[in-house]
Amino acid sequence: MKDYTYLTDQQIIRLFKEGETEMMSVLVNRYKKGIFSAIVLLIKDNHLAEDLFQDTFIKIINTIHKGGYADEGKFLPWAMRVAHNLCIDHIRKAKTKSKTISSFDSYNDNTVTTFDNAESDMIRGADHQNISELIQKLPEEQREVVVLRHYADLSFREIASMTHCSINTALGRMRYALINLRRMMAEEMELAA
């Protein structure tokens, strides 16, 4: 097989639409780690995550074939949205209880920058496996925001849209997630000392 890794996502999708079916494997290989990690962190089950990962790319392939993908140079955020929606559908089907959503209205644009820096510093400073385990322990709504922000690199506006909440709620969830992650990391450091 030729080396297509130098092609942009748009070029790969165009070639795929033109009948070069092997192009989809290039996209799968390019984004498997990030998308699969996000699914595992949302679902907390490796076997189920594998199924949902496959379902994600089946849905992506079908959508592209039907002309439903608007190529705006944002394949990864779109693919993450597909994966996220499949995860949420699965979670909703599996749950019998409904969750209440709280809203926080006191955040401004400076808060977004603070969250981005704090999140980046925390993730850089922690062992990847350790941080993944800590993220798994977060409440579902907080875990979801961290995963979408860190693994999909979505903006808080995109996260709010995807999770059907206000931007302030998404910011609030991130704030509480960071507080909880810091607390859990401090507890682990105390135990290790």
C-alpha atoms as a PDB file:
ATOM      1  CA  MET A   1       0.000   0.000   0.000  1.00  0.00           C
ATOM      2  CA  LYS A   2       1.243   3.489  -0.844  1.00  0.00           C
ATOM      3  CA  ASP A   3       2.124   6.014   1.838  1.00  0.00           C
ATOM      4  CA  TYR A   4      -0.820   8.434   2.034  1.00  0.00           C
ATOM      5  CA  THR A   5       0.043   9.891   5.429  1.00  0.00           C
ATOM      6  CA  TYR A   6       1.178  13.159   3.856  1.00  0.00           C
ATOM      7  CA  LEU A   7      -2.329  13.857   2.515  1.00  0.00           C
ATOM      8  CA  THR A   8      -4.704  16.154   4.367  1.00  0.00           C
ATOM      9  CA  ASP A   9      -7.979  14.840   5.743  1.00  0.00           C
ATOM     10  CA  GLN A  10      -9.816  16.681   2.969  1.00  0.00           C
ATOM     11  CA  GLN A  11      -7.702  15.034   0.271  1.00  0.00           C
ATOM     12  CA  ILE A  12      -8.202  11.598   1.805  1.00  0.00           C
ATOM     13  CA  ILE A  13     -11.972  12.067   2.019  1.00  0.00           C
ATOM     14  CA  ARG A  14     -12.108  13.296  -1.584  1.00  0.00           C
ATOM     15  CA  LEU A  15     -10.193  10.214  -2.754  1.00  0.00           C
ATOM     16  CA  PHE A  16     -12.453   7.987  -0.654  1.00  0.00           C
ATOM     17  CA  LYS A  17     -15.537   9.560  -2.268  1.00  0.00           C
ATOM     18  CA  GLU A  18     -13.959   8.918  -5.673  1.00  0.00           C
ATOM     19  CA  GLY A  19     -13.840   5.202  -4.924  1.00  0.00           C
ATOM     20  CA  GLU A  20     -10.454   4.644  -3.312  1.00  0.00           C
ATOM     21  CA  THR A  21     -11.831   2.716  -0.341  1.00  0.00           C
ATOM     22  CA  GLU A  22      -8.414   2.109   1.241  1.00  0.00           C
ATOM     23  CA  MET A  23      -8.342   5.819   2.097  1.00  0.00           C
ATOM     24  CA  MET A  24     -10.633   5.245   5.073  1.00  0.00           C
ATOM     25  CA  SER A  25      -7.982   3.045   6.705  1.00  0.00           C
ATOM     26  CA  VAL A  26      -5.601   6.026   6.520  1.00  0.00           C
ATOM     27  CA  LEU A  27      -8.080   8.125   8.518  1.00  0.00           C
ATOM     28  CA  VAL A  28      -8.751   5.285  10.947  1.00  0.00           C
ATOM     29  CA  ASN A  29      -5.016   4.864  11.587  1.00  0.00           C
ATOM     30  CA  ARG A  30      -4.522   8.616  11.894  1.00  0.00           C
ATOM     31  CA  TYR A  31      -7.204   9.120  14.555  1.00  0.00           C
ATOM     32  CA  LYS A  32      -7.698   5.722  16.187  1.00  0.00           C
ATOM     33  CA  LYS A  33      -5.749   6.464  19.352  1.00  0.00           C
ATOM     34  CA  GLY A  34      -7.538   9.729  20.166  1.00  0.00           C
ATOM     35  CA  ILE A  35     -11.049   8.619  19.278  1.00  0.00           C
ATOM     36  CA  PHE A  36     -10.703   5.213  20.927  1.00  0.00           C
ATOM     37  CA  SER A  37      -9.236   6.769  24.102  1.00  0.00           C
ATOM     38  CA  ALA A  38     -12.122   9.220  24.292  1.00  0.00           C
ATOM     39  CA  ILE A  39     -14.670   6.415  23.892  1.00  0.00           C
ATOM     40  CA  VAL A  40     -12.976   4.287  26.579  1.00  0.00           C
ATOM     41  CA  LEU A  41     -12.949   7.221  28.992  1.00  0.00           C
ATOM     42  CA  LEU A  42     -16.639   7.898  28.378  1.00  0.00           C
ATOM     43  CA  ILE A  43     -17.821   4.268  28.439  1.00  0.00           C
ATOM     44  CA  LYS A  44     -15.330   2.711  30.906  1.00  0.00           C
ATOM     45  CA  ASP A  45     -15.368  -0.647  29.095  1.00  0.00           C
ATOM     46  CA  ASN A  46     -12.660  -1.629  26.583  1.00  0.00           C
ATOM     47  CA  HIS A  47     -14.728  -4.285  24.802  1.00  0.00           C
ATOM     48  CA  LEU A  48     -17.734  -2.031  24.433  1.00  0.00           C
ATOM     49  CA  ALA A  49     -15.419   0.811  23.364  1.00  0.00           C
ATOM     50  CA  GLU A  50     -14.088  -1.369  20.535  1.00  0.00           C
ATOM     51  CA  ASP A  51     -17.650  -1.950  19.319  1.00  0.00           C
ATOM     52  CA  LEU A  52     -18.500   1.738  19.572  1.00  0.00           C
ATOM     53  CA  PHE A  53     -15.271   2.662  17.768  1.00  0.00           C
ATOM     54  CA  GLN A  54     -16.236   0.361  14.887  1.00  0.00           C
ATOM     55  CA  ASP A  55     -19.782   1.744  14.917  1.00  0.00           C
ATOM     56  CA  THR A  56     -18.320   5.253  14.770  1.00  0.00           C
ATOM     57  CA  PHE A  57     -16.371   4.559  11.591  1.00  0.00           C
ATOM     58  CA  ILE A  58     -19.265   2.660  10.029  1.00  0.00           C
ATOM     59  CA  LYS A  59     -21.446   5.711  10.638  1.00  0.00           C
ATOM     60  CA  ILE A  60     -18.699   7.998   9.287  1.00  0.00           C
ATOM     61  CA  ILE A  61     -18.348   5.891   6.129  1.00  0.00           C
ATOM     62  CA  ASN A  62     -22.122   5.791   5.570  1.00  0.00           C
ATOM     63  CA  THR A  63     -22.447   9.535   6.136  1.00  0.00           C
ATOM     64  CA  ILE A  64     -19.632  10.327   3.695  1.00  0.00           C
ATOM     65  CA  HIS A  65     -21.097   7.946   1.077  1.00  0.00           C
ATOM     66  CA  LYS A  66     -24.511   9.612   1.389  1.00  0.00           C
ATOM     67  CA  GLY A  67     -22.949  13.079   1.010  1.00  0.00           C
ATOM     68  CA  GLY A  68     -23.832  14.054   4.582  1.00  0.00           C
ATOM     69  CA  TYR A  69     -20.334  15.206   5.524  1.00  0.00           C
ATOM     70  CA  ALA A  70     -19.666  18.871   4.838  1.00  0.00           C
ATOM     71  CA  ASP A  71     -15.899  19.039   4.398  1.00  0.00           C
ATOM     72  CA  GLU A  72     -14.893  22.144   6.314  1.00  0.00           C
ATOM     73  CA  GLY A  73     -11.439  20.939   7.291  1.00  0.00           C
ATOM     74  CA  LYS A  74     -12.635  19.706  10.671  1.00  0.00           C
ATOM     75  CA  PHE A  75     -12.752  15.942  10.302  1.00  0.00           C
ATOM     76  CA  LEU A  76     -11.519  15.082  13.813  1.00  0.00           C
ATOM     77  CA  PRO A  77     -14.029  17.257  15.723  1.00  0.00           C
ATOM     78  CA  TRP A  78     -16.794  15.870  13.494  1.00  0.00           C
ATOM     79  CA  ALA A  79     -15.630  12.269  14.022  1.00  0.00           C
ATOM     80  CA  MET A  80     -15.427  12.902  17.779  1.00  0.00           C
ATOM     81  CA  ARG A  81     -18.961  14.258  17.684  1.00  0.00           C
ATOM     82  CA  VAL A  82     -20.130  11.059  15.955  1.00  0.00           C
ATOM     83  CA  ALA A  83     -18.317   8.927  18.554  1.00  0.00           C
ATOM     84  CA  HIS A  84     -19.629  11.054  21.406  1.00  0.00           C
ATOM     85  CA  ASN A  85     -23.212  10.804  20.188  1.00  0.00           C
ATOM     86  CA  LEU A  86     -22.950   7.016  19.891  1.00  0.00           C
ATOM     87  CA  CYS A  87     -21.560   6.833  23.437  1.00  0.00           C
ATOM     88  CA  ILE A  88     -24.316   9.055  24.798  1.00  0.00           C
ATOM     89  CA  ASP A  89     -26.962   6.994  22.984  1.00  0.00           C
ATOM     90  CA  HIS A  90     -25.523   3.849  24.549  1.00  0.00           C
ATOM     91  CA  ILE A  91     -25.388   5.410  28.021  1.00  0.00           C
ATOM     92  CA  ARG A  92     -28.967   6.660  27.736  1.00  0.00           C
ATOM     93  CA  LYS A  93     -30.189   3.237  26.694  1.00  0.00           C
ATOM     94  CA  ALA A  94     -28.293   1.608  29.569  1.00  0.00           C
ATOM     95  CA  LYS A  95     -29.570   3.987  32.223  1.00  0.00           C
ATOM     96  CA  THR A  96     -33.022   4.113  33.697  1.00  0.00           C
ATOM     97  CA  LYS A  97     -32.469   7.253  35.721  1.00  0.00           C
ATOM     98  CA  SER A  98     -32.324  10.717  34.286  1.00  0.00           C
ATOM     99  CA  LYS A  99     -29.696  13.162  35.387  1.00  0.00           C
ATOM    100  CA  THR A 100     -30.296  16.773  36.285  1.00  0.00           C
ATOM    101  CA  ILE A 101     -28.119  19.425  34.778  1.00  0.00           C
ATOM    102  CA  SER A 102     -26.949  22.402  36.777  1.00  0.00           C
ATOM    103  CA  SER A 103     -26.034  25.706  35.245  1.00  0.00           C
ATOM    104  CA  PHE A 104     -23.314  28.170  36.164  1.00  0.00           C
ATOM    105  CA  ASP A 105     -23.614  31.716  34.889  1.00  0.00           C
ATOM    106  CA  SER A 106     -20.629  33.520  36.391  1.00  0.00           C
ATOM    107  CA  TYR A 107     -17.767  32.664  34.008  1.00  0.00           C
ATOM    108  CA  ASN A 108     -16.142  34.899  31.415  1.00  0.00           C
ATOM    109  CA  ASP A 109     -13.604  34.463  28.600  1.00  0.00           C
ATOM    110  CA  ASN A 110     -10.664  34.691  31.033  1.00  0.00           C
ATOM    111  CA  THR A 111     -11.972  31.570  32.750  1.00  0.00           C
ATOM    112  CA  VAL A 112     -11.612  29.606  29.500  1.00  0.00           C
ATOM    113  CA  THR A 113      -7.926  30.539  29.287  1.00  0.00           C
ATOM    114  CA  THR A 114      -7.397  29.623  32.944  1.00  0.00           C
ATOM    115  CA  PHE A 115      -9.052  26.230  32.414  1.00  0.00           C
ATOM    116  CA  ASP A 116      -6.992  25.553  29.286  1.00  0.00           C
ATOM    117  CA  ASN A 117      -3.732  26.355  31.073  1.00  0.00           C
ATOM    118  CA  ALA A 118      -4.633  24.467  34.250  1.00  0.00           C
ATOM    119  CA  GLU A 119      -5.779  21.445  32.261  1.00  0.00           C
ATOM    120  CA  SER A 120      -2.670  21.418  30.082  1.00  0.00           C
ATOM    121  CA  ASP A 121      -0.369  21.806  33.088  1.00  0.00           C
ATOM    122  CA  MET A 122      -2.148  19.041  34.996  1.00  0.00           C
ATOM    123  CA  ILE A 123      -2.111  16.570  32.117  1.00  0.00           C
ATOM    124  CA  ARG A 124       1.523  17.322  31.243  1.00  0.00           C
ATOM    125  CA  GLY A 125       2.551  16.890  34.866  1.00  0.00           C
ATOM    126  CA  ALA A 126       0.842  13.542  35.414  1.00  0.00           C
ATOM    127  CA  ASP A 127       1.581  10.081  34.128  1.00  0.00           C
ATOM    128  CA  HIS A 128      -0.814   9.330  31.238  1.00  0.00           C
ATOM    129  CA  GLN A 129      -2.078   6.074  32.727  1.00  0.00           C
ATOM    130  CA  ASN A 130      -2.563   7.684  36.113  1.00  0.00           C
ATOM    131  CA  ILE A 131      -4.506  10.632  34.686  1.00  0.00           C
ATOM    132  CA  SER A 132      -6.705   8.259  32.657  1.00  0.00           C
ATOM    133  CA  GLU A 133      -7.558   6.354  35.824  1.00  0.00           C
ATOM    134  CA  LEU A 134      -8.370   9.588  37.636  1.00  0.00           C
ATOM    135  CA  ILE A 135     -10.543  10.816  34.762  1.00  0.00           C
ATOM    136  CA  GLN A 136     -12.473   7.531  34.987  1.00  0.00           C
ATOM    137  CA  LYS A 137     -13.352   8.397  38.605  1.00  0.00           C
ATOM    138  CA  LEU A 138     -14.909  11.758  37.719  1.00  0.00           C
ATOM    139  CA  PRO A 139     -18.691  12.133  37.608  1.00  0.00           C
ATOM    140  CA  GLU A 140     -19.984  11.429  34.093  1.00  0.00           C
ATOM    141  CA  GLU A 141     -20.699  15.028  33.081  1.00  0.00           C
ATOM    142  CA  GLN A 142     -17.285  16.246  34.266  1.00  0.00           C
ATOM    143  CA  ARG A 143     -15.487  13.314  32.613  1.00  0.00           C
ATOM    144  CA  GLU A 144     -17.299  14.039  29.364  1.00  0.00           C
ATOM    145  CA  VAL A 145     -16.114  17.670  29.250  1.00  0.00           C
ATOM    146  CA  VAL A 146     -12.500  16.731  30.073  1.00  0.00           C
ATOM    147  CA  VAL A 147     -12.473  14.044  27.379  1.00  0.00           C
ATOM    148  CA  LEU A 148     -13.984  16.300  24.726  1.00  0.00           C
ATOM    149  CA  ARG A 149     -11.647  19.163  25.611  1.00  0.00           C
ATOM    150  CA  HIS A 150      -8.436  17.154  25.959  1.00  0.00           C
ATOM    151  CA  TYR A 151      -8.832  14.277  23.485  1.00  0.00           C
ATOM    152  CA  ALA A 152     -10.959  15.973  20.831  1.00  0.00           C
ATOM    153  CA  ASP A 153      -9.514  19.445  21.344  1.00  0.00           C
ATOM    154  CA  LEU A 154     -12.986  20.946  21.085  1.00  0.00           C
ATOM    155  CA  SER A 155     -13.723  24.482  22.208  1.00  0.00           C
ATOM    156  CA  PHE A 156     -16.064  25.028  25.142  1.00  0.00           C
ATOM    157  CA  ARG A 157     -18.617  26.395  22.691  1.00  0.00           C
ATOM    158  CA  GLU A 158     -18.432  23.145  20.666  1.00  0.00           C
ATOM    159  CA  ILE A 159     -18.625  21.070  23.864  1.00  0.00           C
ATOM    160  CA  ALA A 160     -21.684  23.010  25.023  1.00  0.00           C
ATOM    161  CA  SER A 161     -23.361  22.438  21.666  1.00  0.00           C
ATOM    162  CA  MET A 162     -22.495  18.742  21.621  1.00  0.00           C
ATOM    163  CA  THR A 163     -23.638  18.094  25.186  1.00  0.00           C
ATOM    164  CA  HIS A 164     -26.761  20.263  24.840  1.00  0.00           C
ATOM    165  CA  CYS A 165     -25.905  22.626  27.679  1.00  0.00           C
ATOM    166  CA  SER A 166     -24.874  26.248  28.001  1.00  0.00           C
ATOM    167  CA  ILE A 167     -21.250  27.281  27.664  1.00  0.00           C
ATOM    168  CA  ASN A 168     -21.347  28.305  31.333  1.00  0.00           C
ATOM    169  CA  THR A 169     -22.433  24.811  32.309  1.00  0.00           C
ATOM    170  CA  ALA A 170     -19.592  23.301  30.262  1.00  0.00           C
ATOM    171  CA  LEU A 171     -17.148  25.701  31.933  1.00  0.00           C
ATOM    172  CA  GLY A 172     -18.554  24.844  35.350  1.00  0.00           C
ATOM    173  CA  ARG A 173     -18.186  21.130  34.698  1.00  0.00           C
ATOM    174  CA  MET A 174     -14.581  21.664  33.661  1.00  0.00           C
ATOM    175  CA  ARG A 175     -13.935  23.756  36.753  1.00  0.00           C
ATOM    176  CA  TYR A 176     -15.281  21.040  39.044  1.00  0.00           C
ATOM    177  CA  ALA A 177     -13.454  18.342  37.085  1.00  0.00           C
ATOM    178  CA  LEU A 178     -10.148  20.170  37.576  1.00  0.00           C
ATOM    179  CA  ILE A 179     -10.870  20.671  41.280  1.00  0.00           C
ATOM    180  CA  ASN A 180     -11.677  16.968  41.637  1.00  0.00           C
ATOM    181  CA  LEU A 181      -8.608  15.882  39.646  1.00  0.00           C
ATOM    182  CA  ARG A 182      -6.345  18.085  41.771  1.00  0.00           C
ATOM    183  CA  ARG A 183      -7.897  16.667  44.949  1.00  0.00           C
ATOM    184  CA  MET A 184      -7.486  13.070  43.758  1.00  0.00           C
ATOM    185  CA  MET A 185      -3.874  13.721  42.703  1.00  0.00           C
ATOM    186  CA  ALA A 186      -3.095  15.282  46.093  1.00  0.00           C
ATOM    187  CA  GLU A 187      -4.653  12.278  47.852  1.00  0.00           C
ATOM    188  CA  GLU A 188      -2.554   9.883  45.766  1.00  0.00           C
ATOM    189  CA  MET A 189       0.608  11.862  46.524  1.00  0.00           C
ATOM    190  CA  GLU A 190      -0.162  11.728  50.261  1.00  0.00           C
ATOM    191  CA  LEU A 191      -0.648   7.967  50.084  1.00  0.00           C
ATOM    192  CA  ALA A 192       2.594   7.527  48.175  1.00  0.00           C
ATOM    193  CA  ALA A 193       4.578   9.613  50.691  1.00  0.00           C
END
